[in-house]
N, C-alpha and C. Protein backbone atom coordinates (compact mmCIF):
# COMPACT_ATOMS: atom_id res chain seq x y z
N MET A 1 -7.17 -60.37 -57.62
CA MET A 1 -8.36 -59.85 -56.64
C MET A 1 -9.08 -59.52 -58.08
N SER A 2 -10.65 -59.74 -57.84
CA SER A 2 -11.36 -58.96 -58.94
C SER A 2 -11.64 -57.64 -57.96
N PHE A 3 -12.50 -57.04 -58.94
CA PHE A 3 -12.68 -55.50 -58.93
C PHE A 3 -13.82 -55.67 -57.41
N TYR A 4 -14.69 -56.57 -57.62
CA TYR A 4 -15.67 -56.58 -56.85
C TYR A 4 -14.73 -57.22 -55.13
N GLU A 5 -14.28 -57.86 -55.22
CA GLU A 5 -13.25 -58.09 -54.23
C GLU A 5 -12.53 -57.21 -53.13
N ARG A 6 -11.96 -56.61 -54.27
CA ARG A 6 -10.97 -54.85 -53.76
C ARG A 6 -11.91 -53.75 -52.91
N HIS A 7 -13.46 -54.19 -53.70
CA HIS A 7 -14.52 -52.91 -53.42
C HIS A 7 -14.80 -53.65 -51.71
N ARG A 8 -14.98 -54.98 -51.83
CA ARG A 8 -15.70 -55.69 -50.33
C ARG A 8 -14.59 -55.41 -49.41
N ASP A 9 -13.66 -55.85 -49.59
CA ASP A 9 -12.27 -55.60 -48.46
C ASP A 9 -12.17 -54.04 -48.22
N PHE A 10 -12.39 -53.20 -48.77
CA PHE A 10 -12.12 -51.98 -48.78
C PHE A 10 -13.20 -51.42 -47.69
N ILE A 11 -14.52 -51.61 -48.42
CA ILE A 11 -15.40 -51.76 -47.85
C ILE A 11 -15.72 -51.92 -45.71
N GLU A 12 -15.12 -53.27 -46.21
CA GLU A 12 -14.90 -53.75 -44.39
C GLU A 12 -14.03 -53.07 -43.36
N GLU A 13 -12.95 -53.18 -44.20
CA GLU A 13 -12.10 -52.31 -43.37
C GLU A 13 -12.51 -50.48 -43.14
N LEU A 14 -13.59 -49.89 -43.76
CA LEU A 14 -13.91 -48.60 -43.30
C LEU A 14 -14.76 -48.78 -42.33
N GLU A 15 -15.75 -50.22 -42.60
CA GLU A 15 -16.90 -50.33 -41.85
C GLU A 15 -16.05 -50.75 -39.89
N ARG A 16 -14.86 -50.88 -40.05
CA ARG A 16 -14.30 -51.03 -38.87
C ARG A 16 -13.70 -49.94 -38.18
N ILE A 17 -13.50 -49.25 -38.66
CA ILE A 17 -13.41 -47.51 -38.37
C ILE A 17 -14.19 -46.53 -37.85
N ALA A 18 -15.37 -46.84 -39.21
CA ALA A 18 -16.57 -46.14 -39.38
C ALA A 18 -16.95 -45.48 -37.83
N PRO A 19 -17.81 -44.37 -37.71
CA PRO A 19 -18.70 -43.95 -35.80
C PRO A 19 -19.77 -44.98 -36.11
N ASP A 20 -19.97 -45.43 -34.92
CA ASP A 20 -21.41 -46.07 -34.71
C ASP A 20 -22.23 -45.36 -35.20
N GLY A 21 -23.10 -45.87 -36.19
CA GLY A 21 -24.58 -45.57 -36.71
C GLY A 21 -24.47 -44.97 -38.58
N VAL A 22 -22.71 -45.25 -38.45
CA VAL A 22 -22.64 -44.58 -39.88
C VAL A 22 -22.71 -46.29 -41.30
N ARG A 23 -23.72 -45.65 -42.28
CA ARG A 23 -24.47 -47.12 -42.92
C ARG A 23 -23.11 -46.60 -44.52
N ILE A 24 -22.55 -48.09 -44.83
CA ILE A 24 -21.71 -47.56 -45.95
C ILE A 24 -22.28 -48.49 -47.01
N GLU A 25 -22.34 -47.83 -48.41
CA GLU A 25 -22.73 -48.57 -49.34
C GLU A 25 -22.05 -48.62 -50.57
N TRP A 26 -22.34 -49.17 -51.62
CA TRP A 26 -21.19 -48.57 -52.75
C TRP A 26 -22.14 -48.99 -53.75
N SER A 27 -22.07 -48.75 -54.82
CA SER A 27 -22.27 -48.31 -56.15
C SER A 27 -21.22 -48.31 -56.98
N GLY A 28 -20.46 -49.59 -58.11
CA GLY A 28 -19.60 -48.97 -58.64
C GLY A 28 -18.18 -48.52 -58.16
N ASP A 29 -17.92 -47.56 -58.61
CA ASP A 29 -16.67 -47.15 -57.65
C ASP A 29 -16.83 -45.63 -56.63
N VAL A 30 -18.55 -45.53 -56.48
CA VAL A 30 -18.66 -44.88 -55.96
C VAL A 30 -19.39 -45.16 -53.93
N LEU A 31 -18.48 -44.09 -52.92
CA LEU A 31 -19.23 -44.81 -51.52
C LEU A 31 -20.24 -43.56 -51.63
N ILE A 32 -21.01 -44.49 -50.44
CA ILE A 32 -22.03 -43.39 -49.80
C ILE A 32 -22.15 -43.96 -48.15
N MET A 33 -21.54 -42.95 -47.69
CA MET A 33 -21.82 -43.11 -46.21
C MET A 33 -23.11 -42.08 -45.56
N GLN A 34 -23.56 -42.57 -44.87
CA GLN A 34 -24.89 -41.60 -44.29
C GLN A 34 -24.88 -42.11 -43.40
N ALA A 35 -25.29 -40.97 -41.92
CA ALA A 35 -25.45 -41.26 -40.71
C ALA A 35 -26.94 -41.95 -40.03
N SER A 36 -27.25 -42.24 -39.34
CA SER A 36 -28.59 -42.87 -38.42
C SER A 36 -29.90 -42.03 -38.97
N PRO A 37 -31.02 -42.74 -39.10
CA PRO A 37 -32.12 -42.29 -39.77
C PRO A 37 -32.53 -41.50 -38.81
N PRO A 38 -33.23 -40.55 -39.04
CA PRO A 38 -34.37 -40.20 -38.01
C PRO A 38 -35.41 -40.83 -37.40
N ASN A 39 -36.10 -40.66 -36.54
CA ASN A 39 -37.20 -41.49 -35.63
C ASN A 39 -38.70 -41.20 -36.59
N VAL A 40 -38.93 -40.90 -37.46
CA VAL A 40 -39.89 -40.68 -38.11
C VAL A 40 -39.55 -42.03 -39.45
N HIS A 41 -38.76 -41.75 -39.75
CA HIS A 41 -38.31 -42.66 -40.63
C HIS A 41 -38.29 -44.12 -40.13
N GLN A 42 -37.59 -44.32 -39.02
CA GLN A 42 -38.02 -45.55 -38.47
C GLN A 42 -39.24 -46.06 -37.96
N LEU A 43 -40.15 -45.10 -37.81
CA LEU A 43 -41.26 -45.24 -37.12
C LEU A 43 -42.09 -45.77 -38.44
N ASN A 44 -41.84 -45.05 -39.60
CA ASN A 44 -42.51 -45.81 -41.08
C ASN A 44 -42.10 -47.02 -41.39
N LEU A 45 -41.00 -47.33 -41.16
CA LEU A 45 -39.82 -48.61 -41.53
C LEU A 45 -41.08 -49.44 -40.54
N ALA A 46 -41.44 -49.49 -39.70
CA ALA A 46 -41.87 -50.42 -38.35
C ALA A 46 -43.45 -50.84 -39.16
N LEU A 47 -44.08 -49.59 -39.24
CA LEU A 47 -45.51 -49.87 -39.61
C LEU A 47 -45.66 -50.22 -41.02
N LEU A 48 -44.54 -50.24 -42.11
CA LEU A 48 -44.32 -51.01 -43.09
C LEU A 48 -44.45 -52.67 -42.87
N ARG A 49 -43.50 -52.76 -42.03
CA ARG A 49 -42.74 -54.29 -41.57
C ARG A 49 -44.00 -55.19 -41.18
N GLY A 50 -44.76 -54.17 -40.38
CA GLY A 50 -45.62 -54.70 -39.55
C GLY A 50 -46.65 -55.59 -40.63
N GLN A 51 -47.04 -54.63 -41.66
CA GLN A 51 -48.12 -55.35 -42.53
C GLN A 51 -47.68 -56.71 -43.53
N PHE A 52 -46.19 -56.26 -43.76
CA PHE A 52 -45.53 -56.79 -44.89
C PHE A 52 -45.43 -58.30 -43.88
N GLU A 53 -45.05 -58.70 -42.42
CA GLU A 53 -44.88 -59.75 -41.87
C GLU A 53 -46.00 -60.36 -42.25
N ARG A 54 -47.34 -60.28 -42.26
CA ARG A 54 -48.47 -61.26 -42.11
C ARG A 54 -48.75 -61.62 -43.30
N HIS A 55 -47.75 -61.16 -44.45
CA HIS A 55 -48.08 -61.59 -45.99
C HIS A 55 -46.99 -61.82 -46.81
N ALA A 56 -45.73 -62.36 -45.60
CA ALA A 56 -44.31 -62.95 -46.59
C ALA A 56 -44.43 -64.38 -46.66
N PRO A 57 -44.13 -64.58 -47.85
CA PRO A 57 -44.44 -66.24 -47.75
C PRO A 57 -43.54 -66.90 -47.51
N ASP A 58 -44.05 -68.03 -47.36
CA ASP A 58 -43.63 -69.03 -45.84
C ASP A 58 -41.86 -69.24 -46.51
N GLY A 59 -41.24 -69.33 -45.38
CA GLY A 59 -39.62 -69.66 -45.22
C GLY A 59 -38.68 -68.27 -45.65
N CYS A 60 -39.46 -67.21 -45.30
CA CYS A 60 -39.16 -66.07 -45.81
C CYS A 60 -39.27 -65.34 -44.61
N LEU A 61 -38.01 -63.95 -44.29
CA LEU A 61 -38.03 -63.32 -42.73
C LEU A 61 -37.87 -62.07 -43.87
N PRO A 62 -38.30 -60.87 -42.57
CA PRO A 62 -37.68 -59.36 -42.91
C PRO A 62 -36.18 -59.18 -42.37
N SER A 63 -35.56 -58.44 -42.90
CA SER A 63 -34.62 -58.10 -42.59
C SER A 63 -33.84 -56.74 -42.83
N GLU A 64 -33.26 -56.23 -41.97
CA GLU A 64 -33.14 -55.05 -42.10
C GLU A 64 -31.50 -54.66 -42.25
N ARG A 65 -31.36 -54.04 -42.97
CA ARG A 65 -29.52 -53.39 -43.01
C ARG A 65 -28.84 -54.49 -43.04
N THR A 66 -29.35 -55.61 -44.19
CA THR A 66 -28.62 -56.69 -44.51
C THR A 66 -27.99 -55.88 -46.01
N ARG A 67 -26.84 -55.88 -46.15
CA ARG A 67 -25.95 -56.05 -47.21
C ARG A 67 -26.62 -57.13 -48.54
N ILE A 68 -27.20 -56.47 -49.62
CA ILE A 68 -27.61 -57.49 -51.10
C ILE A 68 -26.49 -56.77 -51.44
N VAL A 69 -25.90 -57.72 -52.26
CA VAL A 69 -24.63 -57.82 -53.48
C VAL A 69 -25.05 -58.31 -54.55
N SER A 70 -24.32 -58.13 -55.57
CA SER A 70 -24.11 -58.52 -56.94
C SER A 70 -22.81 -58.12 -57.41
N PRO A 71 -22.31 -59.52 -57.34
CA PRO A 71 -20.28 -59.05 -57.94
C PRO A 71 -20.40 -58.89 -59.13
N ASP A 72 -21.60 -59.50 -59.91
CA ASP A 72 -21.30 -59.57 -61.81
C ASP A 72 -21.61 -57.70 -61.72
N VAL A 73 -22.64 -56.98 -61.28
CA VAL A 73 -22.24 -55.80 -61.38
C VAL A 73 -21.68 -54.89 -60.27
N SER A 74 -21.00 -55.32 -59.58
CA SER A 74 -20.24 -54.31 -58.57
C SER A 74 -20.90 -53.79 -57.73
N LYS A 75 -21.81 -53.62 -57.36
CA LYS A 75 -22.94 -52.58 -56.42
C LYS A 75 -23.17 -53.98 -55.13
N GLY A 76 -23.33 -52.96 -53.67
CA GLY A 76 -23.43 -53.79 -52.77
C GLY A 76 -24.39 -52.28 -52.53
N ARG A 77 -25.29 -53.01 -51.31
CA ARG A 77 -26.31 -51.75 -51.03
C ARG A 77 -27.05 -52.54 -49.71
N GLU A 78 -27.18 -51.59 -48.52
CA GLU A 78 -28.05 -52.18 -47.83
C GLU A 78 -29.58 -51.42 -47.06
N PRO A 79 -30.44 -51.96 -47.97
CA PRO A 79 -32.05 -51.28 -48.03
C PRO A 79 -32.42 -51.47 -46.40
N ASP A 80 -33.51 -50.60 -45.94
CA ASP A 80 -33.65 -49.95 -45.05
C ASP A 80 -34.87 -51.62 -44.68
N LEU A 81 -35.03 -52.34 -45.66
CA LEU A 81 -35.48 -53.47 -45.56
C LEU A 81 -35.99 -54.38 -46.64
N THR A 82 -35.81 -55.15 -46.43
CA THR A 82 -36.26 -56.74 -47.69
C THR A 82 -36.02 -57.68 -46.60
N TYR A 83 -37.46 -58.74 -47.79
CA TYR A 83 -37.61 -60.13 -47.66
C TYR A 83 -36.47 -61.01 -47.98
N LEU A 84 -36.19 -62.26 -47.31
CA LEU A 84 -35.15 -63.16 -47.68
C LEU A 84 -35.61 -64.25 -47.12
N PRO A 85 -35.24 -65.67 -48.00
CA PRO A 85 -35.43 -66.89 -47.28
C PRO A 85 -35.14 -66.85 -46.27
N VAL A 86 -35.17 -67.98 -45.28
CA VAL A 86 -34.55 -68.22 -44.28
C VAL A 86 -33.39 -69.02 -44.26
N ASP A 87 -33.08 -69.62 -44.96
CA ASP A 87 -31.58 -70.15 -45.52
C ASP A 87 -30.65 -69.49 -45.51
N VAL A 88 -31.22 -68.32 -46.51
CA VAL A 88 -29.41 -67.53 -46.60
C VAL A 88 -29.44 -66.40 -45.67
N LEU A 89 -30.88 -66.48 -44.98
CA LEU A 89 -30.29 -65.32 -43.50
C LEU A 89 -29.25 -66.17 -42.71
N SER A 90 -29.33 -67.69 -42.74
CA SER A 90 -29.18 -67.80 -41.68
C SER A 90 -27.19 -68.70 -41.71
N GLY A 91 -26.83 -68.03 -43.14
CA GLY A 91 -25.38 -68.19 -43.16
C GLY A 91 -24.76 -66.95 -42.67
N PRO A 92 -23.52 -67.33 -42.54
CA PRO A 92 -22.49 -66.44 -42.21
C PRO A 92 -22.36 -65.21 -42.90
N GLY A 93 -21.85 -64.09 -42.00
CA GLY A 93 -21.69 -62.82 -42.39
C GLY A 93 -23.20 -61.96 -42.32
N ASN A 94 -22.88 -60.80 -43.03
CA ASN A 94 -23.72 -59.70 -43.42
C ASN A 94 -24.21 -59.55 -44.76
N ARG A 95 -23.73 -60.37 -45.58
CA ARG A 95 -24.07 -60.43 -47.40
C ARG A 95 -24.43 -61.05 -47.94
N VAL A 96 -25.70 -60.72 -48.94
CA VAL A 96 -26.97 -62.16 -49.61
C VAL A 96 -26.25 -61.57 -50.69
N PRO A 97 -26.65 -62.49 -51.44
CA PRO A 97 -26.95 -62.26 -53.37
C PRO A 97 -28.09 -61.92 -53.67
N ALA A 98 -28.27 -60.42 -54.23
CA ALA A 98 -29.47 -59.75 -54.83
C ALA A 98 -30.04 -60.89 -55.02
N ALA A 99 -29.87 -61.61 -56.03
CA ALA A 99 -30.85 -62.71 -56.91
C ALA A 99 -31.66 -62.94 -55.42
N GLU A 100 -31.56 -63.21 -54.19
CA GLU A 100 -32.22 -63.47 -53.30
C GLU A 100 -33.06 -62.74 -53.03
N ALA A 101 -33.31 -61.16 -53.05
CA ALA A 101 -34.05 -60.54 -52.49
C ALA A 101 -35.71 -60.83 -53.11
N LEU A 102 -37.04 -60.51 -52.17
CA LEU A 102 -38.15 -60.61 -52.95
C LEU A 102 -38.58 -59.08 -53.11
N ILE A 103 -37.71 -58.11 -52.63
CA ILE A 103 -38.57 -56.61 -52.38
C ILE A 103 -37.21 -55.87 -51.32
N VAL A 104 -36.95 -54.73 -51.83
CA VAL A 104 -36.70 -53.52 -50.83
C VAL A 104 -37.12 -53.22 -50.40
N VAL A 105 -37.13 -52.32 -49.48
CA VAL A 105 -38.03 -51.43 -49.37
C VAL A 105 -37.19 -49.90 -48.74
N GLU A 106 -37.18 -49.27 -49.15
CA GLU A 106 -36.48 -47.66 -48.51
C GLU A 106 -37.25 -46.10 -48.39
N ILE A 107 -37.08 -46.14 -47.10
CA ILE A 107 -37.58 -44.81 -46.29
C ILE A 107 -36.75 -43.84 -47.39
N VAL A 108 -37.36 -43.02 -47.78
CA VAL A 108 -36.19 -41.63 -48.24
C VAL A 108 -35.58 -40.87 -47.49
N SER A 109 -34.37 -40.71 -47.14
CA SER A 109 -33.73 -39.63 -46.50
C SER A 109 -34.06 -38.09 -46.38
N PRO A 110 -34.15 -37.51 -45.85
CA PRO A 110 -34.01 -35.74 -46.24
C PRO A 110 -33.31 -35.30 -46.27
N SER A 111 -32.30 -35.91 -46.44
CA SER A 111 -30.57 -34.96 -46.58
C SER A 111 -29.98 -35.56 -47.72
N ASN A 112 -30.60 -36.78 -48.11
CA ASN A 112 -29.92 -37.45 -49.59
C ASN A 112 -30.67 -37.78 -50.29
N PRO A 113 -31.82 -37.77 -50.96
CA PRO A 113 -32.95 -38.41 -51.64
C PRO A 113 -32.57 -38.43 -52.92
N GLY A 114 -31.89 -38.11 -53.34
CA GLY A 114 -31.39 -38.10 -54.32
C GLY A 114 -30.55 -40.29 -54.42
N ASN A 115 -30.26 -40.34 -53.23
CA ASN A 115 -29.58 -41.08 -53.08
C ASN A 115 -30.94 -42.45 -53.70
N ASP A 116 -31.83 -42.16 -52.70
CA ASP A 116 -33.29 -43.22 -52.84
C ASP A 116 -34.05 -43.28 -54.63
N TRP A 117 -33.89 -41.99 -55.13
CA TRP A 117 -34.64 -42.02 -56.11
C TRP A 117 -34.23 -42.06 -57.39
N MET A 118 -32.88 -42.05 -57.39
CA MET A 118 -32.01 -41.96 -59.04
C MET A 118 -30.67 -43.19 -58.51
N ASP A 119 -29.69 -43.16 -57.79
CA ASP A 119 -28.79 -44.36 -57.32
C ASP A 119 -29.48 -45.71 -57.38
N LYS A 120 -30.44 -45.83 -55.65
CA LYS A 120 -30.53 -46.97 -55.95
C LYS A 120 -31.79 -47.38 -56.82
N LEU A 121 -32.34 -46.67 -57.37
CA LEU A 121 -33.56 -47.09 -58.25
C LEU A 121 -32.38 -47.24 -59.68
N HIS A 122 -31.37 -47.23 -60.55
CA HIS A 122 -30.96 -47.66 -60.70
C HIS A 122 -30.14 -48.88 -60.14
N ASP A 123 -29.31 -49.04 -58.90
CA ASP A 123 -28.94 -50.17 -58.81
C ASP A 123 -29.59 -51.09 -58.59
N TYR A 124 -31.13 -50.96 -57.83
CA TYR A 124 -31.89 -52.31 -57.96
C TYR A 124 -32.20 -53.24 -59.36
N ALA A 125 -32.80 -51.73 -59.87
CA ALA A 125 -33.01 -52.65 -61.66
C ALA A 125 -31.73 -53.36 -62.15
N VAL A 126 -30.77 -52.56 -62.00
CA VAL A 126 -29.27 -53.72 -62.44
C VAL A 126 -29.13 -54.72 -61.76
N MET A 127 -29.69 -55.05 -60.46
CA MET A 127 -29.26 -55.62 -59.69
C MET A 127 -30.50 -57.10 -59.91
N ARG A 128 -31.70 -56.80 -60.60
CA ARG A 128 -32.46 -57.17 -61.02
C ARG A 128 -33.41 -57.44 -59.63
N ILE A 129 -33.39 -56.65 -58.52
CA ILE A 129 -34.47 -56.97 -57.23
C ILE A 129 -35.83 -57.05 -58.30
N PRO A 130 -36.64 -57.44 -57.85
CA PRO A 130 -38.21 -57.78 -58.73
C PRO A 130 -39.13 -56.71 -58.08
N LEU A 131 -38.75 -56.00 -56.57
CA LEU A 131 -39.83 -54.88 -56.59
C LEU A 131 -39.17 -54.00 -55.52
N TYR A 132 -39.09 -53.01 -55.60
CA TYR A 132 -38.78 -51.53 -55.13
C TYR A 132 -40.04 -50.78 -54.54
N LEU A 133 -39.56 -50.53 -53.11
CA LEU A 133 -41.12 -49.69 -52.61
C LEU A 133 -39.77 -48.58 -52.26
N ILE A 134 -39.96 -47.23 -52.57
CA ILE A 134 -39.85 -46.05 -52.04
C ILE A 134 -40.83 -45.22 -51.39
N VAL A 135 -40.64 -44.81 -50.11
CA VAL A 135 -41.78 -44.42 -49.23
C VAL A 135 -40.89 -42.99 -48.83
N ASP A 136 -41.63 -41.84 -49.10
CA ASP A 136 -41.30 -40.54 -49.29
C ASP A 136 -41.92 -39.69 -48.41
N PRO A 137 -41.04 -39.65 -46.81
CA PRO A 137 -41.64 -39.22 -46.50
C PRO A 137 -41.99 -37.15 -46.33
N ARG A 138 -40.89 -36.66 -47.46
CA ARG A 138 -41.19 -35.27 -47.73
C ARG A 138 -42.06 -34.90 -48.23
N ASP A 139 -43.10 -35.55 -48.77
CA ASP A 139 -43.53 -35.08 -50.33
C ASP A 139 -44.98 -36.15 -49.92
N ARG A 140 -44.73 -36.80 -48.68
CA ARG A 140 -46.06 -38.05 -48.67
C ARG A 140 -46.78 -38.94 -49.40
N THR A 141 -45.86 -39.61 -50.17
CA THR A 141 -45.74 -40.35 -51.40
C THR A 141 -45.01 -41.20 -51.63
N VAL A 142 -45.94 -42.86 -52.11
CA VAL A 142 -45.30 -43.93 -52.07
C VAL A 142 -45.42 -44.83 -53.60
N THR A 143 -44.09 -45.08 -54.33
CA THR A 143 -44.05 -45.50 -55.46
C THR A 143 -43.54 -47.16 -54.92
N LEU A 144 -44.02 -47.54 -55.93
CA LEU A 144 -43.26 -49.09 -56.17
C LEU A 144 -43.07 -49.55 -57.32
N PHE A 145 -41.72 -50.25 -57.99
CA PHE A 145 -41.35 -49.94 -59.18
C PHE A 145 -41.11 -51.80 -59.43
N SER A 146 -41.78 -52.33 -60.26
CA SER A 146 -41.43 -53.54 -60.61
C SER A 146 -40.82 -53.86 -62.16
N GLU A 147 -40.91 -55.34 -61.97
CA GLU A 147 -40.25 -55.76 -63.81
C GLU A 147 -38.75 -54.75 -64.01
N PRO A 148 -37.86 -55.23 -63.06
CA PRO A 148 -36.82 -55.03 -63.52
C PRO A 148 -36.00 -55.61 -64.93
N ASP A 149 -35.34 -54.58 -66.20
CA ASP A 149 -34.92 -55.14 -67.25
C ASP A 149 -33.66 -54.31 -67.33
N HIS A 150 -32.62 -54.89 -67.43
CA HIS A 150 -30.89 -54.25 -67.49
C HIS A 150 -31.08 -52.81 -66.36
N ASP A 151 -31.12 -51.38 -66.23
CA ASP A 151 -31.19 -50.22 -65.42
C ASP A 151 -32.24 -49.69 -65.19
N ARG A 152 -32.93 -50.14 -65.51
CA ARG A 152 -34.55 -49.49 -65.33
C ARG A 152 -35.44 -50.87 -64.72
N TYR A 153 -37.00 -50.24 -64.02
CA TYR A 153 -37.81 -51.09 -64.35
C TYR A 153 -39.02 -50.64 -64.93
N HIS A 154 -39.48 -51.36 -65.30
CA HIS A 154 -40.64 -50.96 -66.47
C HIS A 154 -41.87 -50.62 -65.85
N THR A 155 -42.22 -51.13 -64.59
CA THR A 155 -44.10 -50.84 -64.02
C THR A 155 -43.55 -49.77 -62.71
N ARG A 156 -43.83 -48.65 -62.41
CA ARG A 156 -44.22 -47.88 -61.89
C ARG A 156 -45.98 -47.98 -61.39
N SER A 157 -45.64 -47.35 -59.80
CA SER A 157 -47.16 -47.54 -59.12
C SER A 157 -46.82 -46.06 -58.14
N ASP A 158 -47.35 -45.27 -58.60
CA ASP A 158 -47.57 -44.05 -57.25
C ASP A 158 -48.99 -43.89 -56.38
N ARG A 159 -48.65 -43.68 -55.45
CA ARG A 159 -49.81 -43.33 -54.01
C ARG A 159 -49.52 -42.20 -53.38
N ARG A 160 -50.15 -41.66 -52.81
CA ARG A 160 -49.98 -40.38 -51.64
C ARG A 160 -50.14 -41.47 -50.18
N PHE A 161 -50.00 -40.98 -48.89
CA PHE A 161 -50.13 -41.08 -48.01
C PHE A 161 -51.53 -40.83 -47.52
N GLY A 162 -52.14 -42.47 -47.05
CA GLY A 162 -54.12 -41.93 -46.69
C GLY A 162 -54.26 -43.01 -47.74
N ASP A 163 -53.80 -43.75 -48.98
CA ASP A 163 -54.31 -44.46 -49.94
C ASP A 163 -53.94 -45.56 -49.40
N GLU A 164 -53.86 -46.65 -50.36
CA GLU A 164 -53.70 -48.17 -50.58
C GLU A 164 -52.74 -48.05 -51.99
N ILE A 165 -51.98 -49.52 -51.95
CA ILE A 165 -50.69 -49.90 -53.03
C ILE A 165 -51.06 -51.42 -52.75
N HIS A 166 -51.04 -51.84 -54.13
CA HIS A 166 -51.01 -53.04 -54.29
C HIS A 166 -49.45 -53.83 -54.51
N ILE A 167 -49.50 -54.70 -53.47
CA ILE A 167 -47.89 -55.52 -53.68
C ILE A 167 -47.84 -56.73 -54.20
N PRO A 168 -47.66 -57.03 -55.21
CA PRO A 168 -47.70 -58.45 -56.29
C PRO A 168 -47.12 -59.45 -55.59
N GLU A 169 -47.57 -60.09 -55.96
CA GLU A 169 -46.72 -61.84 -55.20
C GLU A 169 -45.39 -61.71 -55.33
N PRO A 170 -44.46 -62.60 -54.52
CA PRO A 170 -45.24 -63.20 -53.79
C PRO A 170 -45.58 -62.82 -52.28
N PHE A 171 -46.12 -61.38 -52.57
CA PHE A 171 -46.73 -61.19 -51.30
C PHE A 171 -48.22 -60.99 -51.44
N GLY A 172 -48.60 -60.04 -52.44
CA GLY A 172 -50.22 -60.73 -52.86
C GLY A 172 -51.00 -59.83 -52.01
N PHE A 173 -50.76 -58.56 -51.55
CA PHE A 173 -51.64 -57.63 -50.44
C PHE A 173 -51.88 -56.41 -50.89
N THR A 174 -52.89 -55.64 -50.12
CA THR A 174 -53.14 -54.45 -50.27
C THR A 174 -52.25 -53.52 -48.97
N LEU A 175 -50.84 -53.04 -49.29
CA LEU A 175 -50.80 -52.06 -48.42
C LEU A 175 -51.30 -51.09 -47.86
N GLY A 176 -52.02 -50.68 -46.36
CA GLY A 176 -52.42 -49.43 -46.30
C GLY A 176 -51.46 -48.42 -46.37
N LEU A 177 -51.43 -47.40 -46.19
CA LEU A 177 -50.38 -46.25 -46.10
C LEU A 177 -51.51 -45.16 -44.91
N ALA A 178 -52.31 -45.11 -44.62
CA ALA A 178 -52.59 -44.34 -43.72
C ALA A 178 -52.07 -44.03 -42.60
N ALA A 179 -50.85 -44.98 -42.03
CA ALA A 179 -50.50 -44.70 -40.94
C ALA A 179 -49.39 -43.69 -40.45
N LEU A 180 -48.89 -44.00 -42.18
CA LEU A 180 -47.36 -43.39 -42.51
C LEU A 180 -47.55 -41.86 -42.22
N VAL A 181 -46.39 -41.31 -41.57
CA VAL A 181 -45.94 -40.21 -40.79
C VAL A 181 -45.14 -39.43 -41.76
N ALA A 182 -45.80 -37.99 -42.19
CA ALA A 182 -44.46 -37.15 -42.64
C ALA A 182 -43.89 -36.42 -42.16
N TYR A 183 -42.49 -36.25 -42.72
CA TYR A 183 -41.28 -35.79 -41.87
C TYR A 183 -42.07 -34.17 -41.51
N LYS A 184 -41.14 -33.65 -40.42
CA LYS A 184 -41.95 -32.36 -40.46
C LYS A 184 -41.33 -31.21 -40.17
N ASP A 185 -41.21 -29.77 -41.13
CA ASP A 185 -40.41 -29.02 -42.20
C ASP A 185 -39.76 -28.27 -40.84
């Protein structure tokens, strides 16, 4: 049994016994367990998803909390939002190959921002996810990473809530950030 298969089986067992609302991800030999996100997180996700849906490529749909896996690098993550081909989503289970993801979107957790800004940034680049959008309601910023190569992204674009940010093909639109909501202190 491979390292990836052992991790996968262990995660599946943990998911069976974890309390409702607990999210489990892994990066190499590190497990990350997080509680359900706050309301502002869900609101911002819905606002973004609404805009992306109008520009999604034909044959692709949004998916929330679908496990994106890359056995080659022993990674498994559950982005807040990703866009995947319908034929991949119609398959069994809750795992899809990272190579199928067009974009991943993460809303930064107020309790664990390093997971999105460091760990996932590294993992998504290693997994070769073409676009990684980070929304950080703590400081009212949105950052788009693109052009993954090995363990990092080559391109970074930063904007503030209230601005706009260009989302490249296959979406090809300007994402409005005016309606996004910051976390309250």
